[in-house]
């Protein structure tokens, strides 16, 4: 009952914020998995002497996924109440 009572003490804005951050967490998990998989794929392609174009593409994908992960973290968890301007 304690958890339910605490949940009732939260404002609708707090509940919505918590749900939004849960969604972001799910996206981050997928980005992290994709990043890990891309790194593994690049290592395998390099090991087998694969295609240079594939290596370049995977390298760019890794860089892009790293930027996406960093940006999503900064824009959500570390942004506070400030609004990000493009």
PDB file of N, CA and C in Angstrom:
ATOM      1  N   UNK A   1       0.817  -1.188   0.000  1.00  0.00           N
ATOM      2  CA  UNK A   1       0.000   0.000   0.000  1.00  0.00           C
ATOM      3  C   UNK A   1       0.859   1.249   0.000  1.00  0.00           C
ATOM      4  N   UNK A   2       2.058   1.185   0.525  1.00  0.00           N
ATOM      5  CA  UNK A   2       2.939   2.335   0.586  1.00  0.00           C
ATOM      6  C   UNK A   2       3.266   2.889  -0.794  1.00  0.00           C
ATOM      7  N   UNK A   3       3.510   2.006  -1.754  1.00  0.00           N
ATOM      8  CA  UNK A   3       3.837   2.458  -3.101  1.00  0.00           C
ATOM      9  C   UNK A   3       2.644   3.146  -3.742  1.00  0.00           C
ATOM     10  N   UNK A   4       1.447   2.640  -3.485  1.00  0.00           N
ATOM     11  CA  UNK A   4       0.252   3.251  -4.038  1.00  0.00           C
ATOM     12  C   UNK A   4       0.023   4.627  -3.441  1.00  0.00           C
ATOM     13  N   UNK A   5       0.232   4.751  -2.163  1.00  0.00           N
ATOM     14  CA  UNK A   5       0.048   6.045  -1.508  1.00  0.00           C
ATOM     15  C   UNK A   5       1.035   7.062  -2.069  1.00  0.00           C
ATOM     16  N   UNK A   6       2.276   6.649  -2.302  1.00  0.00           N
ATOM     17  CA  UNK A   6       3.267   7.570  -2.867  1.00  0.00           C
ATOM     18  C   UNK A   6       2.866   7.976  -4.277  1.00  0.00           C
ATOM     19  N   UNK A   7       2.363   7.043  -5.054  1.00  0.00           N
ATOM     20  CA  UNK A   7       1.959   7.347  -6.420  1.00  0.00           C
ATOM     21  C   UNK A   7       0.832   8.366  -6.430  1.00  0.00           C
ATOM     22  N   UNK A   8      -0.058   8.280  -5.464  1.00  0.00           N
ATOM     23  CA  UNK A   8      -1.175   9.214  -5.383  1.00  0.00           C
ATOM     24  C   UNK A   8      -0.717  10.616  -5.007  1.00  0.00           C
ATOM     25  N   UNK A   9       0.433  10.731  -4.371  1.00  0.00           N
ATOM     26  CA  UNK A   9       0.943  12.036  -3.975  1.00  0.00           C
ATOM     27  C   UNK A   9       1.578  12.790  -5.138  1.00  0.00           C
ATOM     28  N   UNK A  10       1.819  12.109  -6.232  1.00  0.00           N
ATOM     29  CA  UNK A  10       2.453  12.761  -7.380  1.00  0.00           C
ATOM     30  C   UNK A  10       1.425  13.545  -8.181  1.00  0.00           C
ATOM     31  N   UNK A  11       1.871  14.667  -8.713  1.00  0.00           N
ATOM     32  CA  UNK A  11       0.994  15.470  -9.563  1.00  0.00           C
ATOM     33  C   UNK A  11       0.887  14.804 -10.936  1.00  0.00           C
ATOM     34  N   UNK A  12      -0.143  15.153 -11.696  1.00  0.00           N
ATOM     35  CA  UNK A  12      -0.252  14.609 -13.057  1.00  0.00           C
ATOM     36  C   UNK A  12       0.991  14.931 -13.898  1.00  0.00           C
ATOM     37  N   UNK A  13       1.572  16.091 -13.673  1.00  0.00           N
ATOM     38  CA  UNK A  13       2.789  16.470 -14.402  1.00  0.00           C
ATOM     39  C   UNK A  13       3.945  15.543 -14.038  1.00  0.00           C
ATOM     40  N   UNK A  14       4.080  15.210 -12.773  1.00  0.00           N
ATOM     41  CA  UNK A  14       5.143  14.304 -12.335  1.00  0.00           C
ATOM     42  C   UNK A  14       4.949  12.903 -12.907  1.00  0.00           C
ATOM     43  N   UNK A  15       3.714  12.452 -12.935  1.00  0.00           N
ATOM     44  CA  UNK A  15       3.414  11.133 -13.503  1.00  0.00           C
ATOM     45  C   UNK A  15       3.747  11.125 -14.995  1.00  0.00           C
ATOM     46  N   UNK A  16       3.345  12.174 -15.702  1.00  0.00           N
ATOM     47  CA  UNK A  16       3.624  12.268 -17.135  1.00  0.00           C
ATOM     48  C   UNK A  16       5.126  12.324 -17.395  1.00  0.00           C
ATOM     49  N   UNK A  17       5.841  13.068 -16.558  1.00  0.00           N
ATOM     50  CA  UNK A  17       7.297  13.167 -16.704  1.00  0.00           C
ATOM     51  C   UNK A  17       7.957  11.802 -16.500  1.00  0.00           C
ATOM     52  N   UNK A  18       7.504  11.082 -15.486  1.00  0.00           N
ATOM     53  CA  UNK A  18       8.048   9.751 -15.215  1.00  0.00           C
ATOM     54  C   UNK A  18       7.778   8.803 -16.379  1.00  0.00           C
ATOM     55  N   UNK A  19       6.584   8.868 -16.941  1.00  0.00           N
ATOM     56  CA  UNK A  19       6.249   8.016 -18.084  1.00  0.00           C
ATOM     57  C   UNK A  19       7.093   8.386 -19.301  1.00  0.00           C
ATOM     58  N   UNK A  20       7.284   9.683 -19.513  1.00  0.00           N
ATOM     59  CA  UNK A  20       8.096  10.138 -20.648  1.00  0.00           C
ATOM     60  C   UNK A  20       9.533   9.656 -20.509  1.00  0.00           C
ATOM     61  N   UNK A  21      10.086   9.750 -19.310  1.00  0.00           N
ATOM     62  CA  UNK A  21      11.455   9.286 -19.093  1.00  0.00           C
ATOM     63  C   UNK A  21      11.558   7.769 -19.237  1.00  0.00           C
ATOM     64  N   UNK A  22      10.489   7.069 -18.913  1.00  0.00           N
ATOM     65  CA  UNK A  22      10.462   5.622 -19.141  1.00  0.00           C
ATOM     66  C   UNK A  22      10.543   5.300 -20.626  1.00  0.00           C
ATOM     67  N   UNK A  23       9.844   6.089 -21.431  1.00  0.00           N
ATOM     68  CA  UNK A  23       9.907   5.907 -22.886  1.00  0.00           C
ATOM     69  C   UNK A  23      11.317   6.182 -23.397  1.00  0.00           C
ATOM     70  N   UNK A  24      11.922   7.254 -22.895  1.00  0.00           N
ATOM     71  CA  UNK A  24      13.292   7.592 -23.292  1.00  0.00           C
ATOM     72  C   UNK A  24      14.241   6.462 -22.900  1.00  0.00           C
ATOM     73  N   UNK A  25      14.042   5.914 -21.727  1.00  0.00           N
ATOM     74  CA  UNK A  25      14.873   4.803 -21.263  1.00  0.00           C
ATOM     75  C   UNK A  25      14.783   3.620 -22.220  1.00  0.00           C
ATOM     76  N   UNK A  26      13.583   3.333 -22.698  1.00  0.00           N
ATOM     77  CA  UNK A  26      13.403   2.236 -23.654  1.00  0.00           C
ATOM     78  C   UNK A  26      14.143   2.517 -24.961  1.00  0.00           C
ATOM     79  N   UNK A  27      14.063   3.759 -25.431  1.00  0.00           N
ATOM     80  CA  UNK A  27      14.759   4.132 -26.664  1.00  0.00           C
ATOM     81  C   UNK A  27      16.267   4.028 -26.469  1.00  0.00           C
ATOM     82  N   UNK A  28      16.751   4.530 -25.332  1.00  0.00           N
ATOM     83  CA  UNK A  28      18.186   4.461 -25.049  1.00  0.00           C
ATOM     84  C   UNK A  28      18.676   3.018 -25.020  1.00  0.00           C
ATOM     85  N   UNK A  29      17.887   2.140 -24.459  1.00  0.00           N
ATOM     86  CA  UNK A  29      18.257   0.730 -24.420  1.00  0.00           C
ATOM     87  C   UNK A  29      18.427   0.177 -25.832  1.00  0.00           C
ATOM     88  N   UNK A  30      17.510   0.539 -26.718  1.00  0.00           N
ATOM     89  CA  UNK A  30      17.609   0.083 -28.104  1.00  0.00           C
ATOM     90  C   UNK A  30      18.808   0.696 -28.815  1.00  0.00           C
ATOM     91  N   UNK A  31      19.083   1.972 -28.567  1.00  0.00           N
ATOM     92  CA  UNK A  31      20.247   2.621 -29.172  1.00  0.00           C
ATOM     93  C   UNK A  31      21.526   1.948 -28.680  1.00  0.00           C
ATOM     94  N   UNK A  32      21.591   1.678 -27.376  1.00  0.00           N
ATOM     95  CA  UNK A  32      22.770   1.019 -26.810  1.00  0.00           C
ATOM     96  C   UNK A  32      22.963  -0.375 -27.409  1.00  0.00           C
ATOM     97  N   UNK A  33      21.871  -1.100 -27.594  1.00  0.00           N
ATOM     98  CA  UNK A  33      21.965  -2.426 -28.206  1.00  0.00           C
ATOM     99  C   UNK A  33      22.455  -2.306 -29.650  1.00  0.00           C
ATOM    100  N   UNK A  34      21.904  -1.354 -30.386  1.00  0.00           N
ATOM    101  CA  UNK A  34      22.318  -1.153 -31.777  1.00  0.00           C
ATOM    102  C   UNK A  34      23.783  -0.757 -31.864  1.00  0.00           C
ATOM    103  N   UNK A  35      24.224   0.087 -30.951  1.00  0.00           N
ATOM    104  CA  UNK A  35      25.621   0.509 -30.923  1.00  0.00           C
ATOM    105  C   UNK A  35      26.540  -0.678 -30.642  1.00  0.00           C
ATOM    106  N   UNK A  36      26.164  -1.471 -29.673  1.00  0.00           N
ATOM    107  CA  UNK A  36      26.947  -2.659 -29.333  1.00  0.00           C
ATOM    108  C   UNK A  36      27.014  -3.621 -30.516  1.00  0.00           C
ATOM    109  N   UNK A  37      25.893  -3.810 -31.173  1.00  0.00           N
ATOM    110  CA  UNK A  37      25.834  -4.731 -32.314  1.00  0.00           C
ATOM    111  C   UNK A  37      26.657  -4.210 -33.483  1.00  0.00           C
ATOM    112  N   UNK A  38      26.610  -2.900 -33.718  1.00  0.00           N
ATOM    113  CA  UNK A  38      27.392  -2.310 -34.807  1.00  0.00           C
ATOM    114  C   UNK A  38      28.888  -2.458 -34.540  1.00  0.00           C
ATOM    115  N   UNK A  39      29.299  -2.280 -33.298  1.00  0.00           N
ATOM    116  CA  UNK A  39      30.716  -2.451 -32.944  1.00  0.00           C
ATOM    117  C   UNK A  39      31.155  -3.898 -33.149  1.00  0.00           C
ATOM    118  N   UNK A  40      30.299  -4.814 -32.751  1.00  0.00           N
ATOM    119  CA  UNK A  40      30.601  -6.238 -32.925  1.00  0.00           C
ATOM    120  C   UNK A  40      30.697  -6.578 -34.413  1.00  0.00           C
ATOM    121  N   UNK A  41      29.775  -6.045 -35.201  1.00  0.00           N
ATOM    122  CA  UNK A  41      29.781  -6.297 -36.641  1.00  0.00           C
ATOM    123  C   UNK A  41      31.040  -5.731 -37.285  1.00  0.00           C
ATOM    124  N   UNK A  42      31.434  -4.528 -36.888  1.00  0.00           N
ATOM    125  CA  UNK A  42      32.638  -3.920 -37.449  1.00  0.00           C
ATOM    126  C   UNK A  42      33.872  -4.756 -37.122  1.00  0.00           C
ATOM    127  N   UNK A  43      33.968  -5.206 -35.895  1.00  0.00           N
ATOM    128  CA  UNK A  43      35.105  -6.043 -35.504  1.00  0.00           C
ATOM    129  C   UNK A  43      35.142  -7.324 -36.331  1.00  0.00           C
ATOM    130  N   UNK A  44      33.987  -7.921 -36.553  1.00  0.00           N
ATOM    131  CA  UNK A  44      33.915  -9.164 -37.326  1.00  0.00           C
ATOM    132  C   UNK A  44      34.287  -8.921 -38.780  1.00  0.00           C
ATOM    133  N   UNK A  45      33.791  -7.832 -39.354  1.00  0.00           N
ATOM    134  CA  UNK A  45      34.098  -7.520 -40.753  1.00  0.00           C
ATOM    135  C   UNK A  45      35.593  -7.255 -40.916  1.00  0.00           C
ATOM    136  N   UNK A  46      36.176  -6.514 -39.982  1.00  0.00           N
ATOM    137  CA  UNK A  46      37.620  -6.247 -40.048  1.00  0.00           C
ATOM    138  C   UNK A  46      38.422  -7.537 -39.896  1.00  0.00           C
ATOM    139  N   UNK A  47      37.970  -8.398 -39.015  1.00  0.00           N
ATOM    140  CA  UNK A  47      38.672  -9.659 -38.742  1.00  0.00           C
ATOM    141  C   UNK A  47      38.712 -10.554 -39.981  1.00  0.00           C
ATOM    142  N   UNK A  48      37.624 -10.574 -40.721  1.00  0.00           N
ATOM    143  CA  UNK A  48      37.535 -11.449 -41.889  1.00  0.00           C
ATOM    144  C   UNK A  48      38.012 -10.772 -43.169  1.00  0.00           C
ATOM    145  N   UNK A  49      38.504  -9.539 -43.050  1.00  0.00           N
ATOM    146  CA  UNK A  49      38.985  -8.832 -44.237  1.00  0.00           C
ATOM    147  C   UNK A  49      37.863  -8.485 -45.183  1.00  0.00           C
ATOM    148  N   UNK A  50      36.786  -8.017 -44.612  1.00  0.00           N
ATOM    149  CA  UNK A  50      35.584  -7.725 -45.391  1.00  0.00           C
ATOM    150  C   UNK A  50      35.715  -6.520 -46.295  1.00  0.00           C
ATOM    151  N   UNK A  51      34.608  -6.059 -46.717  1.00  0.00           N
ATOM    152  CA  UNK A  51      34.476  -4.965 -47.655  1.00  0.00           C
ATOM    153  C   UNK A  51      34.796  -3.622 -46.988  1.00  0.00           C
ATOM    154  N   UNK A  52      35.687  -2.806 -47.580  1.00  0.00           N
ATOM    155  CA  UNK A  52      36.005  -1.495 -47.003  1.00  0.00           C
ATOM    156  C   UNK A  52      34.784  -0.572 -46.905  1.00  0.00           C
ATOM    157  N   UNK A  53      33.878  -0.684 -47.860  1.00  0.00           N
ATOM    158  CA  UNK A  53      32.668   0.144 -47.807  1.00  0.00           C
ATOM    159  C   UNK A  53      31.797  -0.222 -46.607  1.00  0.00           C
ATOM    160  N   UNK A  54      31.737  -1.495 -46.297  1.00  0.00           N
ATOM    161  CA  UNK A  54      30.973  -1.950 -45.129  1.00  0.00           C
ATOM    162  C   UNK A  54      31.623  -1.427 -43.858  1.00  0.00           C
ATOM    163  N   UNK A  55      32.953  -1.485 -43.808  1.00  0.00           N
ATOM    164  CA  UNK A  55      33.667  -0.960 -42.642  1.00  0.00           C
ATOM    165  C   UNK A  55      33.388   0.526 -42.452  1.00  0.00           C
ATOM    166  N   UNK A  56      33.442   1.286 -43.534  1.00  0.00           N
ATOM    167  CA  UNK A  56      33.155   2.721 -43.449  1.00  0.00           C
ATOM    168  C   UNK A  56      31.719   2.973 -43.002  1.00  0.00           C
ATOM    169  N   UNK A  57      30.796   2.232 -43.578  1.00  0.00           N
ATOM    170  CA  UNK A  57      29.387   2.409 -43.224  1.00  0.00           C
ATOM    171  C   UNK A  57      29.143   2.085 -41.755  1.00  0.00           C
ATOM    172  N   UNK A  58      29.730   1.003 -41.284  1.00  0.00           N
ATOM    173  CA  UNK A  58      29.566   0.643 -39.873  1.00  0.00           C
ATOM    174  C   UNK A  58      30.240   1.664 -38.967  1.00  0.00           C
ATOM    175  N   UNK A  59      31.392   2.157 -39.360  1.00  0.00           N
ATOM    176  CA  UNK A  59      32.072   3.192 -38.577  1.00  0.00           C
ATOM    177  C   UNK A  59      31.230   4.449 -38.457  1.00  0.00           C
ATOM    178  N   UNK A  60      30.613   4.854 -39.561  1.00  0.00           N
ATOM    179  CA  UNK A  60      29.732   6.025 -39.535  1.00  0.00           C
ATOM    180  C   UNK A  60      28.494   5.754 -38.692  1.00  0.00           C
ATOM    181  N   UNK A  61      27.957   4.563 -38.805  1.00  0.00           N
ATOM    182  CA  UNK A  61      26.784   4.208 -37.995  1.00  0.00           C
ATOM    183  C   UNK A  61      27.122   4.267 -36.509  1.00  0.00           C
ATOM    184  N   UNK A  62      28.295   3.787 -36.144  1.00  0.00           N
ATOM    185  CA  UNK A  62      28.725   3.826 -34.740  1.00  0.00           C
ATOM    186  C   UNK A  62      28.834   5.267 -34.267  1.00  0.00           C
ATOM    187  N   UNK A  63      29.443   6.124 -35.084  1.00  0.00           N
ATOM    188  CA  UNK A  63      29.566   7.538 -34.719  1.00  0.00           C
ATOM    189  C   UNK A  63      28.190   8.187 -34.587  1.00  0.00           C
ATOM    190  N   UNK A  64      27.297   7.898 -35.526  1.00  0.00           N
ATOM    191  CA  UNK A  64      25.946   8.470 -35.479  1.00  0.00           C
ATOM    192  C   UNK A  64      25.180   7.994 -34.251  1.00  0.00           C
ATOM    193  N   UNK A  65      25.235   6.708 -33.973  1.00  0.00           N
ATOM    194  CA  UNK A  65      24.530   6.163 -32.808  1.00  0.00           C
ATOM    195  C   UNK A  65      25.087   6.732 -31.508  1.00  0.00           C
ATOM    196  N   UNK A  66      26.391   6.938 -31.463  1.00  0.00           N
ATOM    197  CA  UNK A  66      27.010   7.535 -30.279  1.00  0.00           C
ATOM    198  C   UNK A  66      26.498   8.955 -30.075  1.00  0.00           C
ATOM    199  N   UNK A  67      26.410   9.722 -31.161  1.00  0.00           N
ATOM    200  CA  UNK A  67      25.884  11.098 -31.074  1.00  0.00           C
ATOM    201  C   UNK A  67      24.419  11.102 -30.650  1.00  0.00           C
ATOM    202  N   UNK A  68      23.634  10.202 -31.216  1.00  0.00           N
ATOM    203  CA  UNK A  68      22.213  10.116 -30.862  1.00  0.00           C
ATOM    204  C   UNK A  68      22.057   9.794 -29.380  1.00  0.00           C
ATOM    205  N   UNK A  69      22.820   8.843 -28.897  1.00  0.00           N
ATOM    206  CA  UNK A  69      22.751   8.456 -27.486  1.00  0.00           C
ATOM    207  C   UNK A  69      23.099   9.643 -26.588  1.00  0.00           C
ATOM    208  N   UNK A  70      24.191  10.312 -26.905  1.00  0.00           N
ATOM    209  CA  UNK A  70      24.630  11.455 -26.095  1.00  0.00           C
ATOM    210  C   UNK A  70      23.585  12.568 -26.115  1.00  0.00           C
ATOM    211  N   UNK A  71      23.066  12.874 -27.296  1.00  0.00           N
ATOM    212  CA  UNK A  71      22.089  13.957 -27.430  1.00  0.00           C
ATOM    213  C   UNK A  71      20.811  13.636 -26.661  1.00  0.00           C
ATOM    214  N   UNK A  72      20.334  12.417 -26.768  1.00  0.00           N
ATOM    215  CA  UNK A  72      19.117  12.020 -26.071  1.00  0.00           C
ATOM    216  C   UNK A  72      19.309  12.091 -24.561  1.00  0.00           C
ATOM    217  N   UNK A  73      20.450  11.651 -24.083  1.00  0.00           N
ATOM    218  CA  UNK A  73      20.745  11.739 -22.647  1.00  0.00           C
ATOM    219  C   UNK A  73      20.764  13.198 -22.190  1.00  0.00           C
ATOM    220  N   UNK A  74      21.482  14.042 -22.926  1.00  0.00           N
ATOM    221  CA  UNK A  74      21.612  15.443 -22.540  1.00  0.00           C
ATOM    222  C   UNK A  74      20.284  16.183 -22.628  1.00  0.00           C
ATOM    223  N   UNK A  75      19.502  15.879 -23.641  1.00  0.00           N
ATOM    224  CA  UNK A  75      18.241  16.596 -23.841  1.00  0.00           C
ATOM    225  C   UNK A  75      17.128  16.138 -22.914  1.00  0.00           C
ATOM    226  N   UNK A  76      17.306  15.015 -22.251  1.00  0.00           N
ATOM    227  CA  UNK A  76      16.243  14.529 -21.373  1.00  0.00           C
ATOM    228  C   UNK A  76      16.671  14.497 -19.915  1.00  0.00           C
ATOM    229  N   UNK A  77      17.631  13.685 -19.593  1.00  0.00           N
ATOM    230  CA  UNK A  77      18.003  13.497 -18.193  1.00  0.00           C
ATOM    231  C   UNK A  77      18.752  14.684 -17.607  1.00  0.00           C
ATOM    232  N   UNK A  78      19.502  15.408 -18.432  1.00  0.00           N
ATOM    233  CA  UNK A  78      20.338  16.486 -17.905  1.00  0.00           C
ATOM    234  C   UNK A  78      19.850  17.873 -18.305  1.00  0.00           C
ATOM    235  N   UNK A  79      18.709  17.964 -18.948  1.00  0.00           N
ATOM    236  CA  UNK A  79      18.217  19.251 -19.432  1.00  0.00           C
ATOM    237  C   UNK A  79      17.554  20.074 -18.339  1.00  0.00           C
ATOM    238  N   UNK A  80      17.100  19.429 -17.285  1.00  0.00           N
ATOM    239  CA  UNK A  80      16.366  20.157 -16.252  1.00  0.00           C
ATOM    240  C   UNK A  80      15.049  20.656 -16.809  1.00  0.00           C
ATOM    241  N   UNK A  81      14.668  21.850 -16.419  1.00  0.00           N
ATOM    242  CA  UNK A  81      13.408  22.422 -16.895  1.00  0.00           C
ATOM    243  C   UNK A  81      13.603  23.335 -18.098  1.00  0.00           C
ATOM    244  N   UNK A  82      14.838  23.477 -18.565  1.00  0.00           N
ATOM    245  CA  UNK A  82      15.089  24.374 -19.689  1.00  0.00           C
ATOM    246  C   UNK A  82      14.625  23.726 -20.993  1.00  0.00           C
ATOM    247  N   UNK A  83      14.149  24.557 -21.892  1.00  0.00           N
ATOM    248  CA  UNK A  83      13.678  24.099 -23.192  1.00  0.00           C
ATOM    249  C   UNK A  83      14.829  24.185 -24.182  1.00  0.00           C
ATOM    250  N   UNK A  84      15.061  23.121 -24.907  1.00  0.00           N
ATOM    251  CA  UNK A  84      16.151  23.103 -25.884  1.00  0.00           C
ATOM    252  C   UNK A  84      15.726  23.852 -27.131  1.00  0.00           C
ATOM    253  N   UNK A  85      16.562  24.777 -27.557  1.00  0.00           N
ATOM    254  CA  UNK A  85      16.308  25.512 -28.787  1.00  0.00           C
ATOM    255  C   UNK A  85      17.162  24.926 -29.893  1.00  0.00           C
ATOM    256  N   UNK A  86      16.568  24.767 -31.053  1.00  0.00           N
ATOM    257  CA  UNK A  86      17.303  24.180 -32.185  1.00  0.00           C
ATOM    258  C   UNK A  86      18.169  25.226 -32.832  1.00  0.00           C
TER     259      UNK A  86
END
